[in-house]
Amino acid sequence: MRTLVIIAGGLVLWGACLAVARFCAPASASALSTATAVFVALWLLAAAANLWLGVTRAGYTVREELPIFLLIFLLPAALAAFAQWKVL
């Protein structure tokens, strides 16, 4: 359940990045591309922080946390990249 909440948080962060881009530069495709790139960078940091917390505080090994990290990072990042490629 926690993993799904974190993934949903990533999608909310992506939406916030897109909203800021549309507010700052309306009708600009390059602003949306930049917003997606910024989102991926921020989301990598957030997913890495979640990995670090799982290892240091929850007591999991890196080997146990790595698949969760990949799921948490790649699902929203891939969705954002795909949407950027096809829709935006």
N, C-alpha and C. Protein backbone atom coordinates (compact mmCIF):
# COMPACT_ATOMS: atom_id res chain seq x y z
N MET A 1 0.82 -1.19 0.00
CA MET A 1 0.00 0.00 0.00
C MET A 1 0.87 1.26 0.00
N ARG A 2 1.94 1.24 0.78
CA ARG A 2 2.82 2.40 0.87
C ARG A 2 3.46 2.69 -0.49
N THR A 3 3.81 1.63 -1.20
CA THR A 3 4.42 1.80 -2.52
C THR A 3 3.45 2.49 -3.47
N LEU A 4 2.19 2.10 -3.44
CA LEU A 4 1.20 2.74 -4.31
C LEU A 4 1.00 4.21 -3.96
N VAL A 5 1.04 4.53 -2.69
CA VAL A 5 0.91 5.93 -2.27
C VAL A 5 2.10 6.75 -2.77
N ILE A 6 3.28 6.18 -2.69
CA ILE A 6 4.48 6.89 -3.15
C ILE A 6 4.42 7.08 -4.66
N ILE A 7 4.00 6.06 -5.40
CA ILE A 7 3.86 6.19 -6.85
C ILE A 7 2.83 7.26 -7.20
N ALA A 8 1.72 7.27 -6.49
CA ALA A 8 0.70 8.31 -6.70
C ALA A 8 1.28 9.69 -6.40
N GLY A 9 2.11 9.78 -5.37
CA GLY A 9 2.78 11.04 -5.07
C GLY A 9 3.67 11.49 -6.21
N GLY A 10 4.31 10.55 -6.87
CA GLY A 10 5.13 10.88 -8.03
C GLY A 10 4.30 11.45 -9.17
N LEU A 11 3.15 10.87 -9.39
CA LEU A 11 2.28 11.39 -10.45
C LEU A 11 1.75 12.78 -10.10
N VAL A 12 1.49 13.01 -8.83
CA VAL A 12 1.06 14.35 -8.39
C VAL A 12 2.20 15.35 -8.60
N LEU A 13 3.43 14.93 -8.29
CA LEU A 13 4.58 15.80 -8.51
C LEU A 13 4.74 16.13 -9.99
N TRP A 14 4.55 15.15 -10.85
CA TRP A 14 4.62 15.41 -12.29
C TRP A 14 3.55 16.41 -12.71
N GLY A 15 2.35 16.24 -12.21
CA GLY A 15 1.28 17.19 -12.51
C GLY A 15 1.61 18.60 -12.03
N ALA A 16 2.22 18.69 -10.86
CA ALA A 16 2.62 20.00 -10.34
C ALA A 16 3.69 20.63 -11.22
N CYS A 17 4.64 19.83 -11.68
CA CYS A 17 5.68 20.35 -12.59
C CYS A 17 5.07 20.86 -13.89
N LEU A 18 4.11 20.10 -14.42
CA LEU A 18 3.43 20.55 -15.65
C LEU A 18 2.62 21.81 -15.42
N ALA A 19 1.97 21.90 -14.26
CA ALA A 19 1.18 23.10 -13.95
C ALA A 19 2.06 24.34 -13.85
N VAL A 20 3.21 24.19 -13.21
CA VAL A 20 4.14 25.32 -13.11
C VAL A 20 4.63 25.72 -14.50
N ALA A 21 4.91 24.74 -15.34
CA ALA A 21 5.38 25.05 -16.70
C ALA A 21 4.30 25.77 -17.51
N ARG A 22 3.07 25.32 -17.38
CA ARG A 22 1.98 25.98 -18.12
C ARG A 22 1.70 27.39 -17.59
N PHE A 23 1.91 27.58 -16.31
CA PHE A 23 1.71 28.92 -15.72
C PHE A 23 2.82 29.87 -16.17
N CYS A 24 4.06 29.38 -16.18
CA CYS A 24 5.20 30.24 -16.51
C CYS A 24 5.32 30.51 -18.01
N ALA A 25 5.00 29.51 -18.82
CA ALA A 25 5.14 29.66 -20.27
C ALA A 25 3.96 28.97 -20.96
N PRO A 26 2.82 29.62 -21.01
CA PRO A 26 1.65 28.99 -21.64
C PRO A 26 1.89 28.70 -23.12
N ALA A 27 1.39 27.56 -23.56
CA ALA A 27 1.46 27.15 -24.96
C ALA A 27 2.89 26.99 -25.46
N SER A 28 3.76 26.56 -24.59
CA SER A 28 5.15 26.34 -24.99
C SER A 28 5.49 24.86 -24.80
N ALA A 29 5.79 24.19 -25.91
CA ALA A 29 6.12 22.76 -25.85
C ALA A 29 7.46 22.54 -25.15
N SER A 30 8.38 23.46 -25.32
CA SER A 30 9.69 23.29 -24.68
C SER A 30 9.58 23.41 -23.16
N ALA A 31 8.65 24.22 -22.68
CA ALA A 31 8.46 24.34 -21.23
C ALA A 31 7.93 23.03 -20.66
N LEU A 32 7.05 22.35 -21.39
CA LEU A 32 6.53 21.07 -20.93
C LEU A 32 7.62 20.00 -20.95
N SER A 33 8.48 20.05 -21.94
CA SER A 33 9.61 19.11 -22.00
C SER A 33 10.56 19.35 -20.83
N THR A 34 10.82 20.61 -20.54
CA THR A 34 11.68 20.94 -19.41
C THR A 34 11.04 20.51 -18.10
N ALA A 35 9.74 20.70 -17.98
CA ALA A 35 9.03 20.29 -16.76
C ALA A 35 9.12 18.79 -16.56
N THR A 36 9.01 18.02 -17.63
CA THR A 36 9.13 16.57 -17.52
C THR A 36 10.54 16.17 -17.12
N ALA A 37 11.53 16.82 -17.69
CA ALA A 37 12.92 16.53 -17.32
C ALA A 37 13.20 16.88 -15.86
N VAL A 38 12.68 18.00 -15.41
CA VAL A 38 12.83 18.40 -14.01
C VAL A 38 12.14 17.39 -13.10
N PHE A 39 10.95 16.95 -13.50
CA PHE A 39 10.23 15.95 -12.72
C PHE A 39 11.05 14.67 -12.58
N VAL A 40 11.62 14.19 -13.68
CA VAL A 40 12.39 12.94 -13.63
C VAL A 40 13.58 13.09 -12.68
N ALA A 41 14.25 14.22 -12.73
CA ALA A 41 15.38 14.45 -11.82
C ALA A 41 14.93 14.50 -10.36
N LEU A 42 13.86 15.25 -10.09
CA LEU A 42 13.34 15.33 -8.73
C LEU A 42 12.84 13.97 -8.24
N TRP A 43 12.21 13.22 -9.12
CA TRP A 43 11.66 11.93 -8.74
C TRP A 43 12.76 10.92 -8.49
N LEU A 44 13.86 11.01 -9.22
CA LEU A 44 15.00 10.14 -8.94
C LEU A 44 15.53 10.41 -7.54
N LEU A 45 15.64 11.66 -7.16
CA LEU A 45 16.09 12.01 -5.81
C LEU A 45 15.11 11.50 -4.75
N ALA A 46 13.83 11.66 -4.99
CA ALA A 46 12.82 11.21 -4.03
C ALA A 46 12.83 9.69 -3.89
N ALA A 47 12.94 8.98 -5.00
CA ALA A 47 12.97 7.52 -4.96
C ALA A 47 14.25 7.02 -4.28
N ALA A 48 15.35 7.71 -4.52
CA ALA A 48 16.60 7.33 -3.86
C ALA A 48 16.52 7.59 -2.35
N ALA A 49 15.85 8.67 -1.97
CA ALA A 49 15.66 8.94 -0.54
C ALA A 49 14.79 7.85 0.09
N ASN A 50 13.79 7.39 -0.61
CA ASN A 50 12.95 6.30 -0.12
C ASN A 50 13.77 5.01 0.03
N LEU A 51 14.64 4.75 -0.92
CA LEU A 51 15.54 3.59 -0.84
C LEU A 51 16.43 3.70 0.39
N TRP A 52 17.00 4.88 0.58
CA TRP A 52 17.91 5.09 1.71
C TRP A 52 17.17 4.91 3.04
N LEU A 53 15.96 5.43 3.12
CA LEU A 53 15.18 5.27 4.36
C LEU A 53 14.83 3.80 4.60
N GLY A 54 14.51 3.08 3.55
CA GLY A 54 14.20 1.67 3.71
C GLY A 54 15.39 0.86 4.21
N VAL A 55 16.57 1.24 3.76
CA VAL A 55 17.78 0.52 4.18
C VAL A 55 18.22 0.94 5.57
N THR A 56 18.23 2.24 5.84
CA THR A 56 18.78 2.72 7.11
C THR A 56 17.79 2.66 8.27
N ARG A 57 16.52 2.91 8.01
CA ARG A 57 15.55 2.97 9.11
C ARG A 57 14.69 1.72 9.24
N ALA A 58 14.30 1.15 8.10
CA ALA A 58 13.40 0.00 8.16
C ALA A 58 14.15 -1.32 8.27
N GLY A 59 15.44 -1.29 8.00
CA GLY A 59 16.25 -2.48 8.19
C GLY A 59 16.30 -3.43 7.00
N TYR A 60 15.82 -3.00 5.85
CA TYR A 60 15.91 -3.83 4.66
C TYR A 60 17.32 -3.75 4.08
N THR A 61 17.70 -4.77 3.32
CA THR A 61 18.97 -4.71 2.62
C THR A 61 18.76 -4.00 1.29
N VAL A 62 19.84 -3.56 0.68
CA VAL A 62 19.73 -2.90 -0.62
C VAL A 62 19.15 -3.87 -1.63
N ARG A 63 19.52 -5.12 -1.53
CA ARG A 63 19.00 -6.14 -2.44
C ARG A 63 17.48 -6.29 -2.31
N GLU A 64 16.95 -6.14 -1.12
CA GLU A 64 15.51 -6.21 -0.91
C GLU A 64 14.79 -4.95 -1.39
N GLU A 65 15.44 -3.82 -1.22
CA GLU A 65 14.82 -2.53 -1.56
C GLU A 65 14.95 -2.16 -3.03
N LEU A 66 15.94 -2.72 -3.73
CA LEU A 66 16.18 -2.32 -5.11
C LEU A 66 14.99 -2.54 -6.04
N PRO A 67 14.29 -3.69 -6.00
CA PRO A 67 13.12 -3.82 -6.88
C PRO A 67 12.02 -2.79 -6.58
N ILE A 68 11.84 -2.46 -5.31
CA ILE A 68 10.85 -1.44 -4.95
C ILE A 68 11.29 -0.08 -5.46
N PHE A 69 12.57 0.23 -5.33
CA PHE A 69 13.10 1.49 -5.86
C PHE A 69 12.85 1.59 -7.36
N LEU A 70 13.14 0.50 -8.08
CA LEU A 70 12.95 0.53 -9.52
C LEU A 70 11.49 0.72 -9.89
N LEU A 71 10.59 0.06 -9.18
CA LEU A 71 9.16 0.23 -9.43
C LEU A 71 8.71 1.66 -9.12
N ILE A 72 9.13 2.16 -7.97
CA ILE A 72 8.73 3.51 -7.56
C ILE A 72 9.27 4.56 -8.52
N PHE A 73 10.50 4.41 -8.98
CA PHE A 73 11.07 5.40 -9.88
C PHE A 73 10.59 5.22 -11.32
N LEU A 74 10.66 4.00 -11.82
CA LEU A 74 10.43 3.81 -13.25
C LEU A 74 8.98 3.96 -13.69
N LEU A 75 8.04 3.58 -12.86
CA LEU A 75 6.65 3.67 -13.29
C LEU A 75 6.22 5.12 -13.57
N PRO A 76 6.36 6.05 -12.63
CA PRO A 76 5.99 7.44 -12.95
C PRO A 76 6.90 8.08 -14.01
N ALA A 77 8.20 7.78 -13.97
CA ALA A 77 9.12 8.37 -14.94
C ALA A 77 8.82 7.88 -16.35
N ALA A 78 8.55 6.58 -16.49
CA ALA A 78 8.22 6.04 -17.82
C ALA A 78 6.89 6.58 -18.32
N LEU A 79 5.92 6.70 -17.43
CA LEU A 79 4.63 7.26 -17.81
C LEU A 79 4.78 8.71 -18.27
N ALA A 80 5.58 9.48 -17.55
CA ALA A 80 5.80 10.88 -17.93
C ALA A 80 6.54 10.96 -19.26
N ALA A 81 7.55 10.14 -19.45
CA ALA A 81 8.31 10.16 -20.71
C ALA A 81 7.43 9.73 -21.88
N PHE A 82 6.60 8.70 -21.68
CA PHE A 82 5.71 8.24 -22.74
C PHE A 82 4.69 9.32 -23.09
N ALA A 83 4.10 9.93 -22.06
CA ALA A 83 3.11 10.99 -22.31
C ALA A 83 3.77 12.19 -22.99
N GLN A 84 4.98 12.50 -22.60
CA GLN A 84 5.70 13.61 -23.23
C GLN A 84 5.93 13.31 -24.71
N TRP A 85 6.28 12.08 -25.00
CA TRP A 85 6.57 11.66 -26.37
C TRP A 85 5.32 11.64 -27.24
N LYS A 86 4.22 11.10 -26.70
CA LYS A 86 3.02 10.89 -27.50
C LYS A 86 1.99 12.03 -27.44
N VAL A 87 1.85 12.65 -26.27
CA VAL A 87 0.73 13.57 -26.07
C VAL A 87 1.16 15.03 -26.02
N LEU A 88 2.14 15.33 -25.20
CA LEU A 88 2.46 16.73 -24.94
C LEU A 88 3.29 17.35 -26.02
